[in-house]
Amino acid sequence: MGELEKILIMINRWGYLNTEQVALLTQKSFISAKRILERNIKKRFL
């Protein structure tokens, strides 16, 4: 399962995720998770 799919599944369950939760979910550093979120927001996935 890809990073975006994991993020979207958890958002559907909880309603929101903060950057720390995304970092834990994708097993990335805080900075990497922030970049993932920013990239997906630009692509209008989130």
PDB file of N, CA and C in Angstrom:
ATOM      1  N   MET A   1       0.849  -1.171   0.000  1.00  0.00           N
ATOM      2  CA  MET A   1       0.000   0.000   0.000  1.00  0.00           C
ATOM      3  C   MET A   1       0.896   1.236   0.000  1.00  0.00           C
ATOM      4  N   GLY A   2       0.571   2.180  -0.846  1.00  0.00           N
ATOM      5  CA  GLY A   2       1.365   3.399  -0.967  1.00  0.00           C
ATOM      6  C   GLY A   2       1.125   4.381   0.166  1.00  0.00           C
ATOM      7  N   GLU A   3       1.993   5.370   0.244  1.00  0.00           N
ATOM      8  CA  GLU A   3       1.898   6.373   1.304  1.00  0.00           C
ATOM      9  C   GLU A   3       0.582   7.137   1.247  1.00  0.00           C
ATOM     10  N   LEU A   4       0.206   7.557   0.049  1.00  0.00           N
ATOM     11  CA  LEU A   4      -1.026   8.333  -0.083  1.00  0.00           C
ATOM     12  C   LEU A   4      -2.242   7.504   0.324  1.00  0.00           C
ATOM     13  N   GLU A   5      -2.262   6.233  -0.047  1.00  0.00           N
ATOM     14  CA  GLU A   5      -3.389   5.378   0.325  1.00  0.00           C
ATOM     15  C   GLU A   5      -3.502   5.241   1.835  1.00  0.00           C
ATOM     16  N   LYS A   6      -2.369   5.056   2.522  1.00  0.00           N
ATOM     17  CA  LYS A   6      -2.380   4.967   3.985  1.00  0.00           C
ATOM     18  C   LYS A   6      -2.929   6.249   4.599  1.00  0.00           C
ATOM     19  N   ILE A   7      -2.466   7.378   4.076  1.00  0.00           N
ATOM     20  CA  ILE A   7      -2.909   8.674   4.600  1.00  0.00           C
ATOM     21  C   ILE A   7      -4.413   8.843   4.401  1.00  0.00           C
ATOM     22  N   LEU A   8      -4.901   8.547   3.210  1.00  0.00           N
ATOM     23  CA  LEU A   8      -6.325   8.730   2.919  1.00  0.00           C
ATOM     24  C   LEU A   8      -7.200   7.808   3.757  1.00  0.00           C
ATOM     25  N   ILE A   9      -6.762   6.567   3.978  1.00  0.00           N
ATOM     26  CA  ILE A   9      -7.530   5.632   4.806  1.00  0.00           C
ATOM     27  C   ILE A   9      -7.652   6.166   6.231  1.00  0.00           C
ATOM     28  N   MET A  10      -6.549   6.663   6.786  1.00  0.00           N
ATOM     29  CA  MET A  10      -6.595   7.175   8.151  1.00  0.00           C
ATOM     30  C   MET A  10      -7.408   8.464   8.248  1.00  0.00           C
ATOM     31  N   ILE A  11      -7.342   9.313   7.239  1.00  0.00           N
ATOM     32  CA  ILE A  11      -8.175  10.522   7.250  1.00  0.00           C
ATOM     33  C   ILE A  11      -9.646  10.131   7.218  1.00  0.00           C
ATOM     34  N   ASN A  12      -9.991   9.117   6.430  1.00  0.00           N
ATOM     35  CA  ASN A  12     -11.379   8.659   6.381  1.00  0.00           C
ATOM     36  C   ASN A  12     -11.833   8.116   7.730  1.00  0.00           C
ATOM     37  N   ARG A  13     -10.949   7.457   8.463  1.00  0.00           N
ATOM     38  CA  ARG A  13     -11.309   6.899   9.770  1.00  0.00           C
ATOM     39  C   ARG A  13     -11.420   7.972  10.839  1.00  0.00           C
ATOM     40  N   TRP A  14     -10.437   8.881  10.901  1.00  0.00           N
ATOM     41  CA  TRP A  14     -10.363   9.843  11.991  1.00  0.00           C
ATOM     42  C   TRP A  14     -10.884  11.222  11.628  1.00  0.00           C
ATOM     43  N   GLY A  15     -10.960  11.534  10.344  1.00  0.00           N
ATOM     44  CA  GLY A  15     -11.419  12.844   9.923  1.00  0.00           C
ATOM     45  C   GLY A  15     -10.293  13.829   9.662  1.00  0.00           C
ATOM     46  N   TYR A  16      -9.120  13.593  10.235  1.00  0.00           N
ATOM     47  CA  TYR A  16      -7.975  14.480  10.019  1.00  0.00           C
ATOM     48  C   TYR A  16      -6.708  13.752  10.459  1.00  0.00           C
ATOM     49  N   LEU A  17      -5.575  14.226  10.029  1.00  0.00           N
ATOM     50  CA  LEU A  17      -4.269  13.776  10.511  1.00  0.00           C
ATOM     51  C   LEU A  17      -3.360  14.986  10.612  1.00  0.00           C
ATOM     52  N   ASN A  18      -2.535  15.027  11.645  1.00  0.00           N
ATOM     53  CA  ASN A  18      -1.530  16.080  11.692  1.00  0.00           C
ATOM     54  C   ASN A  18      -0.219  15.527  11.131  1.00  0.00           C
ATOM     55  N   THR A  19       0.761  16.370  10.981  1.00  0.00           N
ATOM     56  CA  THR A  19       2.014  15.971  10.345  1.00  0.00           C
ATOM     57  C   THR A  19       2.729  14.886  11.140  1.00  0.00           C
ATOM     58  N   GLU A  20       2.664  14.942  12.462  1.00  0.00           N
ATOM     59  CA  GLU A  20       3.309  13.920  13.287  1.00  0.00           C
ATOM     60  C   GLU A  20       2.679  12.555  13.057  1.00  0.00           C
ATOM     61  N   GLN A  21       1.360  12.510  12.934  1.00  0.00           N
ATOM     62  CA  GLN A  21       0.675  11.243  12.686  1.00  0.00           C
ATOM     63  C   GLN A  21       1.041  10.687  11.320  1.00  0.00           C
ATOM     64  N   VAL A  22       1.149  11.551  10.310  1.00  0.00           N
ATOM     65  CA  VAL A  22       1.552  11.106   8.974  1.00  0.00           C
ATOM     66  C   VAL A  22       2.970  10.550   9.020  1.00  0.00           C
ATOM     67  N   ALA A  23       3.852  11.197   9.771  1.00  0.00           N
ATOM     68  CA  ALA A  23       5.231  10.723   9.896  1.00  0.00           C
ATOM     69  C   ALA A  23       5.271   9.332  10.510  1.00  0.00           C
ATOM     70  N   LEU A  24       4.487   9.110  11.548  1.00  0.00           N
ATOM     71  CA  LEU A  24       4.447   7.789  12.175  1.00  0.00           C
ATOM     72  C   LEU A  24       3.832   6.750  11.250  1.00  0.00           C
ATOM     73  N   LEU A  25       2.777   7.124  10.560  1.00  0.00           N
ATOM     74  CA  LEU A  25       2.070   6.204   9.675  1.00  0.00           C
ATOM     75  C   LEU A  25       2.932   5.753   8.510  1.00  0.00           C
ATOM     76  N   THR A  26       3.675   6.658   7.931  1.00  0.00           N
ATOM     77  CA  THR A  26       4.502   6.330   6.764  1.00  0.00           C
ATOM     78  C   THR A  26       5.923   5.955   7.153  1.00  0.00           C
ATOM     79  N   GLN A  27       6.212   5.969   8.454  1.00  0.00           N
ATOM     80  CA  GLN A  27       7.536   5.628   8.984  1.00  0.00           C
ATOM     81  C   GLN A  27       8.621   6.502   8.357  1.00  0.00           C
ATOM     82  N   LYS A  28       8.330   7.784   8.264  1.00  0.00           N
ATOM     83  CA  LYS A  28       9.262   8.778   7.722  1.00  0.00           C
ATOM     84  C   LYS A  28       9.561   9.810   8.803  1.00  0.00           C
ATOM     85  N   SER A  29      10.548  10.629   8.554  1.00  0.00           N
ATOM     86  CA  SER A  29      10.838  11.718   9.484  1.00  0.00           C
ATOM     87  C   SER A  29       9.756  12.791   9.361  1.00  0.00           C
ATOM     88  N   PHE A  30       9.726  13.678  10.329  1.00  0.00           N
ATOM     89  CA  PHE A  30       8.737  14.758  10.338  1.00  0.00           C
ATOM     90  C   PHE A  30       8.858  15.612   9.083  1.00  0.00           C
ATOM     91  N   ILE A  31      10.091  15.933   8.680  1.00  0.00           N
ATOM     92  CA  ILE A  31      10.317  16.780   7.502  1.00  0.00           C
ATOM     93  C   ILE A  31       9.841  16.073   6.235  1.00  0.00           C
ATOM     94  N   SER A  32      10.123  14.775   6.122  1.00  0.00           N
ATOM     95  CA  SER A  32       9.674  14.020   4.947  1.00  0.00           C
ATOM     96  C   SER A  32       8.155  13.962   4.891  1.00  0.00           C
ATOM     97  N   ALA A  33       7.525  13.757   6.036  1.00  0.00           N
ATOM     98  CA  ALA A  33       6.064  13.707   6.078  1.00  0.00           C
ATOM     99  C   ALA A  33       5.467  15.046   5.676  1.00  0.00           C
ATOM    100  N   LYS A  34       6.099  16.128   6.109  1.00  0.00           N
ATOM    101  CA  LYS A  34       5.616  17.461   5.735  1.00  0.00           C
ATOM    102  C   LYS A  34       5.694  17.644   4.225  1.00  0.00           C
ATOM    103  N   ARG A  35       6.789  17.179   3.617  1.00  0.00           N
ATOM    104  CA  ARG A  35       6.930  17.267   2.158  1.00  0.00           C
ATOM    105  C   ARG A  35       5.879  16.423   1.448  1.00  0.00           C
ATOM    106  N   ILE A  36       5.606  15.230   1.970  1.00  0.00           N
ATOM    107  CA  ILE A  36       4.575  14.358   1.385  1.00  0.00           C
ATOM    108  C   ILE A  36       3.231  15.078   1.391  1.00  0.00           C
ATOM    109  N   LEU A  37       2.878  15.670   2.540  1.00  0.00           N
ATOM    110  CA  LEU A  37       1.607  16.388   2.639  1.00  0.00           C
ATOM    111  C   LEU A  37       1.549  17.568   1.683  1.00  0.00           C
ATOM    112  N   GLU A  38       2.620  18.347   1.640  1.00  0.00           N
ATOM    113  CA  GLU A  38       2.641  19.516   0.751  1.00  0.00           C
ATOM    114  C   GLU A  38       2.506  19.100  -0.707  1.00  0.00           C
ATOM    115  N   ARG A  39       3.201  18.041  -1.097  1.00  0.00           N
ATOM    116  CA  ARG A  39       3.137  17.561  -2.479  1.00  0.00           C
ATOM    117  C   ARG A  39       1.721  17.098  -2.829  1.00  0.00           C
ATOM    118  N   ASN A  40       1.083  16.375  -1.920  1.00  0.00           N
ATOM    119  CA  ASN A  40      -0.258  15.875  -2.192  1.00  0.00           C
ATOM    120  C   ASN A  40      -1.308  16.980  -2.150  1.00  0.00           C
ATOM    121  N   ILE A  41      -1.083  18.001  -1.357  1.00  0.00           N
ATOM    122  CA  ILE A  41      -1.992  19.150  -1.347  1.00  0.00           C
ATOM    123  C   ILE A  41      -1.880  19.909  -2.664  1.00  0.00           C
ATOM    124  N   LYS A  42      -0.646  20.078  -3.171  1.00  0.00           N
ATOM    125  CA  LYS A  42      -0.463  20.753  -4.461  1.00  0.00           C
ATOM    126  C   LYS A  42      -1.158  20.000  -5.583  1.00  0.00           C
ATOM    127  N   LYS A  43      -1.111  18.667  -5.523  1.00  0.00           N
ATOM    128  CA  LYS A  43      -1.756  17.845  -6.555  1.00  0.00           C
ATOM    129  C   LYS A  43      -3.260  17.744  -6.329  1.00  0.00           C
ATOM    130  N   ARG A  44      -3.731  18.369  -5.241  1.00  0.00           N
ATOM    131  CA  ARG A  44      -5.148  18.389  -4.863  1.00  0.00           C
ATOM    132  C   ARG A  44      -5.696  17.011  -4.517  1.00  0.00           C
ATOM    133  N   PHE A  45      -4.816  16.134  -4.009  1.00  0.00           N
ATOM    134  CA  PHE A  45      -5.274  14.841  -3.506  1.00  0.00           C
ATOM    135  C   PHE A  45      -5.825  14.996  -2.097  1.00  0.00           C
ATOM    136  N   LEU A  46      -5.288  15.971  -1.356  1.00  0.00           N
ATOM    137  CA  LEU A  46      -5.726  16.211   0.024  1.00  0.00           C
ATOM    138  C   LEU A  46      -6.238  17.621   0.155  1.00  0.00           C
TER     139      LEU A  46
END
